[in-house]
PDB file of N, CA and C in Angstrom:
ATOM      1  N   MET A   1      15.193  37.068  -7.669  1.00  0.00           N
ATOM      2  CA  MET A   1      15.994  35.678  -7.886  1.00  0.00           C
ATOM      3  C   MET A   1      15.695  34.043  -6.970  1.00  0.00           C
ATOM      4  N   MET A   2      15.700  33.336  -7.794  1.00  0.00           N
ATOM      5  CA  MET A   2      15.412  31.550  -7.487  1.00  0.00           C
ATOM      6  C   MET A   2      16.955  31.057  -7.462  1.00  0.00           C
ATOM      7  N   ILE A   3      17.432  29.850  -6.712  1.00  0.00           N
ATOM      8  CA  ILE A   3      17.880  28.998  -6.838  1.00  0.00           C
ATOM      9  C   ILE A   3      17.846  27.754  -6.791  1.00  0.00           C
ATOM     10  N   SER A   4      18.479  27.299  -7.003  1.00  0.00           N
ATOM     11  CA  SER A   4      18.308  25.534  -7.584  1.00  0.00           C
ATOM     12  C   SER A   4      18.049  24.997  -6.164  1.00  0.00           C
ATOM     13  N   ALA A   5      17.254  23.994  -5.731  1.00  0.00           N
ATOM     14  CA  ALA A   5      17.290  23.445  -4.519  1.00  0.00           C
ATOM     15  C   ALA A   5      18.397  22.438  -4.147  1.00  0.00           C
ATOM     16  N   GLU A   6      19.617  22.286  -4.703  1.00  0.00           N
ATOM     17  CA  GLU A   6      20.598  21.654  -4.213  1.00  0.00           C
ATOM     18  C   GLU A   6      21.333  22.879  -3.960  1.00  0.00           C
ATOM     19  N   GLY A   7      21.398  24.279  -4.646  1.00  0.00           N
ATOM     20  CA  GLY A   7      22.333  25.413  -4.600  1.00  0.00           C
ATOM     21  C   GLY A   7      21.591  25.607  -3.306  1.00  0.00           C
ATOM     22  N   TYR A   8      20.170  25.989  -2.095  1.00  0.00           N
ATOM     23  CA  TYR A   8      19.264  25.869  -1.314  1.00  0.00           C
ATOM     24  C   TYR A   8      20.150  25.002  -0.064  1.00  0.00           C
ATOM     25  N   LYS A   9      20.058  24.181  -0.373  1.00  0.00           N
ATOM     26  CA  LYS A   9      20.552  22.790   0.280  1.00  0.00           C
ATOM     27  C   LYS A   9      22.135  22.842   0.938  1.00  0.00           C
ATOM     28  N   SER A  10      23.312  22.927  -0.359  1.00  0.00           N
ATOM     29  CA  SER A  10      24.678  24.002   0.431  1.00  0.00           C
ATOM     30  C   SER A  10      24.385  24.916   1.553  1.00  0.00           C
ATOM     31  N   MET A  11      23.862  25.792   0.756  1.00  0.00           N
ATOM     32  CA  MET A  11      24.427  26.820   1.455  1.00  0.00           C
ATOM     33  C   MET A  11      23.826  26.589   2.965  1.00  0.00           C
ATOM     34  N   HIS A  12      22.862  25.566   2.968  1.00  0.00           N
ATOM     35  CA  HIS A  12      21.919  25.268   4.450  1.00  0.00           C
ATOM     36  C   HIS A  12      22.435  24.120   5.449  1.00  0.00           C
ATOM     37  N   GLU A  13      23.943  23.250   4.157  1.00  0.00           N
ATOM     38  CA  GLU A  13      23.920  22.131   4.814  1.00  0.00           C
ATOM     39  C   GLU A  13      24.522  22.156   6.254  1.00  0.00           C
ATOM     40  N   SER A  14      25.675  23.535   6.848  1.00  0.00           N
ATOM     41  CA  SER A  14      26.346  23.692   7.521  1.00  0.00           C
ATOM     42  C   SER A  14      25.923  24.455   9.384  1.00  0.00           C
ATOM     43  N   ASP A  15      24.718  24.910   8.976  1.00  0.00           N
ATOM     44  CA  ASP A  15      23.541  25.338  10.023  1.00  0.00           C
ATOM     45  C   ASP A  15      23.419  24.340  11.067  1.00  0.00           C
ATOM     46  N   SER A  16      22.882  24.707  12.380  1.00  0.00           N
ATOM     47  CA  SER A  16      22.611  24.254  13.353  1.00  0.00           C
ATOM     48  C   SER A  16      21.371  24.178  13.311  1.00  0.00           C
ATOM     49  N   ILE A  17      21.262  22.233  14.672  1.00  0.00           N
ATOM     50  CA  ILE A  17      19.391  22.749  14.481  1.00  0.00           C
ATOM     51  C   ILE A  17      18.163  23.290  14.509  1.00  0.00           C
ATOM     52  N   ASP A  18      19.330  24.779  15.639  1.00  0.00           N
ATOM     53  CA  ASP A  18      18.345  25.372  16.387  1.00  0.00           C
ATOM     54  C   ASP A  18      18.207  26.651  14.640  1.00  0.00           C
ATOM     55  N   GLU A  19      19.179  26.556  13.559  1.00  0.00           N
ATOM     56  CA  GLU A  19      19.325  27.006  12.506  1.00  0.00           C
ATOM     57  C   GLU A  19      18.278  26.721  11.055  1.00  0.00           C
ATOM     58  N   LEU A  20      18.133  25.252  11.538  1.00  0.00           N
ATOM     59  CA  LEU A  20      17.434  24.990  10.814  1.00  0.00           C
ATOM     60  C   LEU A  20      15.509  24.931  10.500  1.00  0.00           C
ATOM     61  N   ILE A  21      15.692  25.169  12.514  1.00  0.00           N
ATOM     62  CA  ILE A  21      14.094  25.048  12.713  1.00  0.00           C
ATOM     63  C   ILE A  21      13.598  26.527  11.819  1.00  0.00           C
ATOM     64  N   ALA A  22      14.332  27.136  12.661  1.00  0.00           N
ATOM     65  CA  ALA A  22      14.154  29.028  12.158  1.00  0.00           C
ATOM     66  C   ALA A  22      13.787  28.742  10.918  1.00  0.00           C
ATOM     67  N   GLU A  23      14.514  28.461   9.754  1.00  0.00           N
ATOM     68  CA  GLU A  23      14.829  28.728   8.652  1.00  0.00           C
ATOM     69  C   GLU A  23      13.313  27.589   8.108  1.00  0.00           C
ATOM     70  N   ARG A  24      13.274  26.613   8.625  1.00  0.00           N
ATOM     71  CA  ARG A  24      11.730  25.730   8.273  1.00  0.00           C
ATOM     72  C   ARG A  24      10.392  26.191   8.776  1.00  0.00           C
ATOM     73  N   LYS A  25      10.305  27.254   9.772  1.00  0.00           N
ATOM     74  CA  LYS A  25       8.878  28.475   9.804  1.00  0.00           C
ATOM     75  C   LYS A  25       8.776  29.333   8.768  1.00  0.00           C
ATOM     76  N   GLN A  26      10.351  29.773   8.443  1.00  0.00           N
ATOM     77  CA  GLN A  26      10.421  31.314   7.908  1.00  0.00           C
ATOM     78  C   GLN A  26       9.834  30.143   6.402  1.00  0.00           C
ATOM     79  N   LEU A  27      10.282  29.703   6.113  1.00  0.00           N
ATOM     80  CA  LEU A  27       9.742  29.378   4.967  1.00  0.00           C
ATOM     81  C   LEU A  27       8.160  28.507   5.002  1.00  0.00           C
ATOM     82  N   VAL A  28       7.339  28.720   6.284  1.00  0.00           N
ATOM     83  CA  VAL A  28       6.238  27.931   6.087  1.00  0.00           C
ATOM     84  C   VAL A  28       5.440  29.421   6.304  1.00  0.00           C
ATOM     85  N   GLY A  29       5.991  30.153   7.223  1.00  0.00           N
ATOM     86  CA  GLY A  29       5.494  31.524   6.859  1.00  0.00           C
ATOM     87  C   GLY A  29       4.976  32.116   5.369  1.00  0.00           C
ATOM     88  N   GLU A  30       6.534  31.693   4.800  1.00  0.00           N
ATOM     89  CA  GLU A  30       6.127  32.555   3.475  1.00  0.00           C
ATOM     90  C   GLU A  30       4.580  31.661   2.558  1.00  0.00           C
ATOM     91  N   LEU A  31       5.078  30.379   2.916  1.00  0.00           N
ATOM     92  CA  LEU A  31       4.205  29.342   1.661  1.00  0.00           C
ATOM     93  C   LEU A  31       2.647  30.088   2.130  1.00  0.00           C
ATOM     94  N   GLU A  32       2.740  30.379   3.860  1.00  0.00           N
ATOM     95  CA  GLU A  32       1.362  30.565   3.587  1.00  0.00           C
ATOM     96  C   GLU A  32       0.614  31.790   2.828  1.00  0.00           C
ATOM     97  N   GLN A  33       2.018  32.855   2.937  1.00  0.00           N
ATOM     98  CA  GLN A  33       1.814  34.184   2.320  1.00  0.00           C
ATOM     99  C   GLN A  33       0.795  33.930   0.652  1.00  0.00           C
ATOM    100  N   LEU A  34       2.060  33.049   0.203  1.00  0.00           N
ATOM    101  CA  LEU A  34       2.130  32.915  -1.075  1.00  0.00           C
ATOM    102  C   LEU A  34       0.241  31.882  -1.722  1.00  0.00           C
ATOM    103  N   GLU A  35       0.016  31.603  -0.603  1.00  0.00           N
ATOM    104  CA  GLU A  35      -0.813  30.349  -0.969  1.00  0.00           C
ATOM    105  C   GLU A  35      -2.479  31.667  -0.526  1.00  0.00           C
ATOM    106  N   LYS A  36      -2.353  32.870  -0.031  1.00  0.00           N
ATOM    107  CA  LYS A  36      -3.504  33.878   0.222  1.00  0.00           C
ATOM    108  C   LYS A  36      -3.163  34.139  -1.429  1.00  0.00           C
ATOM    109  N   ILE A  37      -2.592  34.220  -1.891  1.00  0.00           N
ATOM    110  CA  ILE A  37      -2.133  35.463  -3.118  1.00  0.00           C
ATOM    111  C   ILE A  37      -2.392  33.827  -4.226  1.00  0.00           C
ATOM    112  N   VAL A  38      -2.065  33.277  -4.513  1.00  0.00           N
ATOM    113  CA  VAL A  38      -2.274  32.115  -5.185  1.00  0.00           C
ATOM    114  C   VAL A  38      -3.653  31.331  -5.562  1.00  0.00           C
ATOM    115  N   ARG A  39      -4.206  31.343  -4.586  1.00  0.00           N
ATOM    116  CA  ARG A  39      -5.765  30.443  -4.345  1.00  0.00           C
ATOM    117  C   ARG A  39      -6.804  31.751  -4.646  1.00  0.00           C
ATOM    118  N   LYS A  40      -6.227  32.903  -4.307  1.00  0.00           N
ATOM    119  CA  LYS A  40      -7.656  33.778  -4.449  1.00  0.00           C
ATOM    120  C   LYS A  40      -7.430  34.453  -5.924  1.00  0.00           C
ATOM    121  N   ASN A  41      -6.378  33.825  -6.849  1.00  0.00           N
ATOM    122  CA  ASN A  41      -5.919  33.841  -8.012  1.00  0.00           C
ATOM    123  C   ASN A  41      -6.273  35.671  -8.627  1.00  0.00           C
ATOM    124  N   ASP A  42      -6.203  36.856  -7.990  1.00  0.00           N
ATOM    125  CA  ASP A  42      -6.354  38.441  -8.130  1.00  0.00           C
ATOM    126  C   ASP A  42      -5.175  38.167  -9.139  1.00  0.00           C
ATOM    127  N   LYS A  43      -4.653  38.002 -10.466  1.00  0.00           N
ATOM    128  CA  LYS A  43      -4.191  38.499 -11.317  1.00  0.00           C
ATOM    129  C   LYS A  43      -4.008  40.290 -10.926  1.00  0.00           C
ATOM    130  N   ASN A  44      -4.714  41.179 -10.431  1.00  0.00           N
ATOM    131  CA  ASN A  44      -4.767  42.195 -10.055  1.00  0.00           C
ATOM    132  C   ASN A  44      -3.785  42.402  -9.235  1.00  0.00           C
ATOM    133  N   ASP A  45      -3.423  41.636  -8.209  1.00  0.00           N
ATOM    134  CA  ASP A  45      -2.543  41.814  -7.211  1.00  0.00           C
ATOM    135  C   ASP A  45      -1.071  41.786  -7.214  1.00  0.00           C
ATOM    136  N   ASP A  46      -0.153  42.796  -6.880  1.00  0.00           N
ATOM    137  CA  ASP A  46       0.953  44.223  -7.706  1.00  0.00           C
ATOM    138  C   ASP A  46       1.224  42.167  -7.471  1.00  0.00           C
ATOM    139  N   SER A  47       2.156  41.006  -6.755  1.00  0.00           N
ATOM    140  CA  SER A  47       2.538  40.153  -6.747  1.00  0.00           C
ATOM    141  C   SER A  47       2.686  39.360  -8.212  1.00  0.00           C
ATOM    142  N   TRP A  48       1.637  39.596  -9.222  1.00  0.00           N
ATOM    143  CA  TRP A  48       1.791  38.995  -9.965  1.00  0.00           C
ATOM    144  C   TRP A  48       2.530  39.595 -10.823  1.00  0.00           C
ATOM    145  N   ASN A  49       2.932  40.680 -10.743  1.00  0.00           N
ATOM    146  CA  ASN A  49       3.647  41.954 -11.843  1.00  0.00           C
ATOM    147  C   ASN A  49       5.554  41.114 -11.625  1.00  0.00           C
ATOM    148  N   GLU A  50       5.720  40.222 -10.399  1.00  0.00           N
ATOM    149  CA  GLU A  50       6.884  40.449 -10.071  1.00  0.00           C
ATOM    150  C   GLU A  50       7.511  39.066 -10.830  1.00  0.00           C
ATOM    151  N   SER A  51       8.223  38.847 -10.809  1.00  0.00           N
ATOM    152  CA  SER A  51       9.301  37.936 -11.011  1.00  0.00           C
ATOM    153  C   SER A  51      10.365  36.939 -10.791  1.00  0.00           C
ATOM    154  N   PRO A  52      10.733  35.539 -10.439  1.00  0.00           N
ATOM    155  CA  PRO A  52       9.308  34.841 -10.750  1.00  0.00           C
ATOM    156  C   PRO A  52       7.880  34.764 -10.169  1.00  0.00           C
ATOM    157  N   GLY A  53       6.853  34.925 -10.553  1.00  0.00           N
ATOM    158  CA  GLY A  53       5.211  35.247 -10.317  1.00  0.00           C
ATOM    159  C   GLY A  53       4.963  34.455  -8.728  1.00  0.00           C
ATOM    160  N   PRO A  54       3.984  34.665  -8.216  1.00  0.00           N
ATOM    161  CA  PRO A  54       3.520  33.949  -6.531  1.00  0.00           C
ATOM    162  C   PRO A  54       3.295  32.509  -6.991  1.00  0.00           C
ATOM    163  N   ASP A  55       3.075  32.018  -8.169  1.00  0.00           N
ATOM    164  CA  ASP A  55       3.078  30.129  -8.453  1.00  0.00           C
ATOM    165  C   ASP A  55       3.934  29.985  -8.887  1.00  0.00           C
ATOM    166  N   VAL A  56       5.020  30.568  -9.128  1.00  0.00           N
ATOM    167  CA  VAL A  56       6.459  29.625  -9.334  1.00  0.00           C
ATOM    168  C   VAL A  56       7.050  29.933  -7.220  1.00  0.00           C
ATOM    169  N   ARG A  57       6.938  31.530  -7.490  1.00  0.00           N
ATOM    170  CA  ARG A  57       8.219  31.035  -6.044  1.00  0.00           C
ATOM    171  C   ARG A  57       7.018  30.037  -4.457  1.00  0.00           C
ATOM    172  N   TYR A  58       5.992  29.713  -4.873  1.00  0.00           N
ATOM    173  CA  TYR A  58       5.313  29.024  -4.067  1.00  0.00           C
ATOM    174  C   TYR A  58       6.271  27.726  -4.111  1.00  0.00           C
ATOM    175  N   GLN A  59       5.889  27.236  -6.023  1.00  0.00           N
ATOM    176  CA  GLN A  59       6.460  25.466  -5.629  1.00  0.00           C
ATOM    177  C   GLN A  59       7.958  25.632  -5.305  1.00  0.00           C
ATOM    178  N   MET A  60       8.790  26.694  -5.562  1.00  0.00           N
ATOM    179  CA  MET A  60      10.422  26.835  -4.741  1.00  0.00           C
ATOM    180  C   MET A  60      10.066  26.625  -3.869  1.00  0.00           C
ATOM    181  N   THR A  61       9.743  27.467  -3.268  1.00  0.00           N
ATOM    182  CA  THR A  61       9.498  27.330  -1.367  1.00  0.00           C
ATOM    183  C   THR A  61       9.320  25.912  -0.865  1.00  0.00           C
ATOM    184  N   LEU A  62       8.088  25.721  -1.166  1.00  0.00           N
ATOM    185  CA  LEU A  62       7.716  24.261  -1.095  1.00  0.00           C
ATOM    186  C   LEU A  62       9.120  23.380  -1.676  1.00  0.00           C
ATOM    187  N   THR A  63      10.405  23.115  -2.498  1.00  0.00           N
ATOM    188  CA  THR A  63      10.698  22.421  -3.165  1.00  0.00           C
ATOM    189  C   THR A  63      11.948  23.055  -1.936  1.00  0.00           C
ATOM    190  N   TYR A  64      12.189  24.035  -1.313  1.00  0.00           N
ATOM    191  CA  TYR A  64      13.289  24.251  -0.263  1.00  0.00           C
ATOM    192  C   TYR A  64      12.771  24.117   1.255  1.00  0.00           C
ATOM    193  N   LEU A  65      11.446  23.776   0.869  1.00  0.00           N
ATOM    194  CA  LEU A  65      11.400  22.943   2.798  1.00  0.00           C
ATOM    195  C   LEU A  65      11.683  21.781   2.553  1.00  0.00           C
ATOM    196  N   ILE A  66      11.436  20.921   1.297  1.00  0.00           N
ATOM    197  CA  ILE A  66      11.172  19.488   0.980  1.00  0.00           C
ATOM    198  C   ILE A  66      13.019  19.570   1.986  1.00  0.00           C
ATOM    199  N   GLN A  67      14.684  20.597   1.269  1.00  0.00           N
ATOM    200  CA  GLN A  67      15.580  20.340   1.739  1.00  0.00           C
ATOM    201  C   GLN A  67      16.067  20.634   2.456  1.00  0.00           C
ATOM    202  N   ILE A  68      15.041  21.508   3.322  1.00  0.00           N
ATOM    203  CA  ILE A  68      14.887  21.559   5.405  1.00  0.00           C
ATOM    204  C   ILE A  68      14.936  20.483   5.631  1.00  0.00           C
ATOM    205  N   CYS A  69      13.745  20.502   5.946  1.00  0.00           N
ATOM    206  CA  CYS A  69      13.377  18.405   6.601  1.00  0.00           C
ATOM    207  C   CYS A  69      14.482  17.819   6.183  1.00  0.00           C
ATOM    208  N   GLU A  70      14.649  17.165   4.670  1.00  0.00           N
ATOM    209  CA  GLU A  70      15.885  16.417   4.393  1.00  0.00           C
ATOM    210  C   GLU A  70      17.176  17.097   5.213  1.00  0.00           C
ATOM    211  N   LEU A  71      17.661  18.064   5.431  1.00  0.00           N
ATOM    212  CA  LEU A  71      18.641  18.094   6.016  1.00  0.00           C
ATOM    213  C   LEU A  71      18.895  17.840   8.103  1.00  0.00           C
ATOM    214  N   LEU A  72      17.282  18.377   8.177  1.00  0.00           N
ATOM    215  CA  LEU A  72      16.324  18.236   9.649  1.00  0.00           C
ATOM    216  C   LEU A  72      16.982  17.319  10.193  1.00  0.00           C
ATOM    217  N   TRP A  73      15.314  16.147   9.765  1.00  0.00           N
ATOM    218  CA  TRP A  73      16.305  14.514   9.642  1.00  0.00           C
ATOM    219  C   TRP A  73      17.685  13.938   9.336  1.00  0.00           C
ATOM    220  N   ALA A  74      18.346  14.607   8.846  1.00  0.00           N
ATOM    221  CA  ALA A  74      19.757  13.942   8.610  1.00  0.00           C
ATOM    222  C   ALA A  74      20.306  14.247  10.027  1.00  0.00           C
ATOM    223  N   ARG A  75      20.052  15.698  10.257  1.00  0.00           N
ATOM    224  CA  ARG A  75      20.661  16.360  11.497  1.00  0.00           C
ATOM    225  C   ARG A  75      20.135  15.444  12.693  1.00  0.00           C
ATOM    226  N   PHE A  76      18.895  15.369  12.641  1.00  0.00           N
ATOM    227  CA  PHE A  76      18.598  14.386  13.936  1.00  0.00           C
ATOM    228  C   PHE A  76      18.670  13.332  14.122  1.00  0.00           C
ATOM    229  N   SER A  77      19.338  12.341  13.375  1.00  0.00           N
ATOM    230  CA  SER A  77      19.454  11.459  13.446  1.00  0.00           C
ATOM    231  C   SER A  77      20.668  10.749  13.751  1.00  0.00           C
ATOM    232  N   SER A  78      21.920  12.137  13.387  1.00  0.00           N
ATOM    233  CA  SER A  78      23.083  12.009  13.750  1.00  0.00           C
ATOM    234  C   SER A  78      23.314  12.626  14.681  1.00  0.00           C
ATOM    235  N   GLU A  79      22.606  13.795  15.010  1.00  0.00           N
ATOM    236  CA  GLU A  79      22.698  14.164  16.901  1.00  0.00           C
ATOM    237  C   GLU A  79      22.440  13.824  17.540  1.00  0.00           C
ATOM    238  N   MET A  80      21.214  13.185  17.338  1.00  0.00           N
ATOM    239  CA  MET A  80      19.970  13.089  19.052  1.00  0.00           C
ATOM    240  C   MET A  80      19.841  11.534  18.804  1.00  0.00           C
ATOM    241  N   SER A  81      20.049  11.666  20.359  1.00  0.00           N
ATOM    242  CA  SER A  81      20.209   9.897  20.820  1.00  0.00           C
ATOM    243  C   SER A  81      18.702  10.385  21.237  1.00  0.00           C
ATOM    244  N   TRP A  82      18.300   8.973  20.452  1.00  0.00           N
ATOM    245  CA  TRP A  82      16.503   8.784  21.438  1.00  0.00           C
ATOM    246  C   TRP A  82      16.860   8.122  22.523  1.00  0.00           C
ATOM    247  N   ASP A  83      17.587   7.516  22.733  1.00  0.00           N
ATOM    248  CA  ASP A  83      17.571   6.280  23.959  1.00  0.00           C
ATOM    249  C   ASP A  83      16.908   6.831  24.742  1.00  0.00           C
ATOM    250  N   LYS A  84      17.808   8.261  25.707  1.00  0.00           N
ATOM    251  CA  LYS A  84      18.258   9.273  26.542  1.00  0.00           C
ATOM    252  C   LYS A  84      17.063   9.610  27.314  1.00  0.00           C
TER     253      LYS A  84
END
């Protein structure tokens, strides 16, 4: 089941920087797997029998990655001092 981008972002708003980085890595791994499925476009792959299909999961995972990157950007901007 997919959730909205806003719902996904709200689930991670209180995550630490380390948790956000771990989530980003996990999303990138998912994207790499989905890219293999979607790009080969083999409709006989069992992934195409799932709902939502890998093409939709790919698009949503990209959207989730955007949300995590926005949270990371905000967290780094507010918590990290680049002057040190």
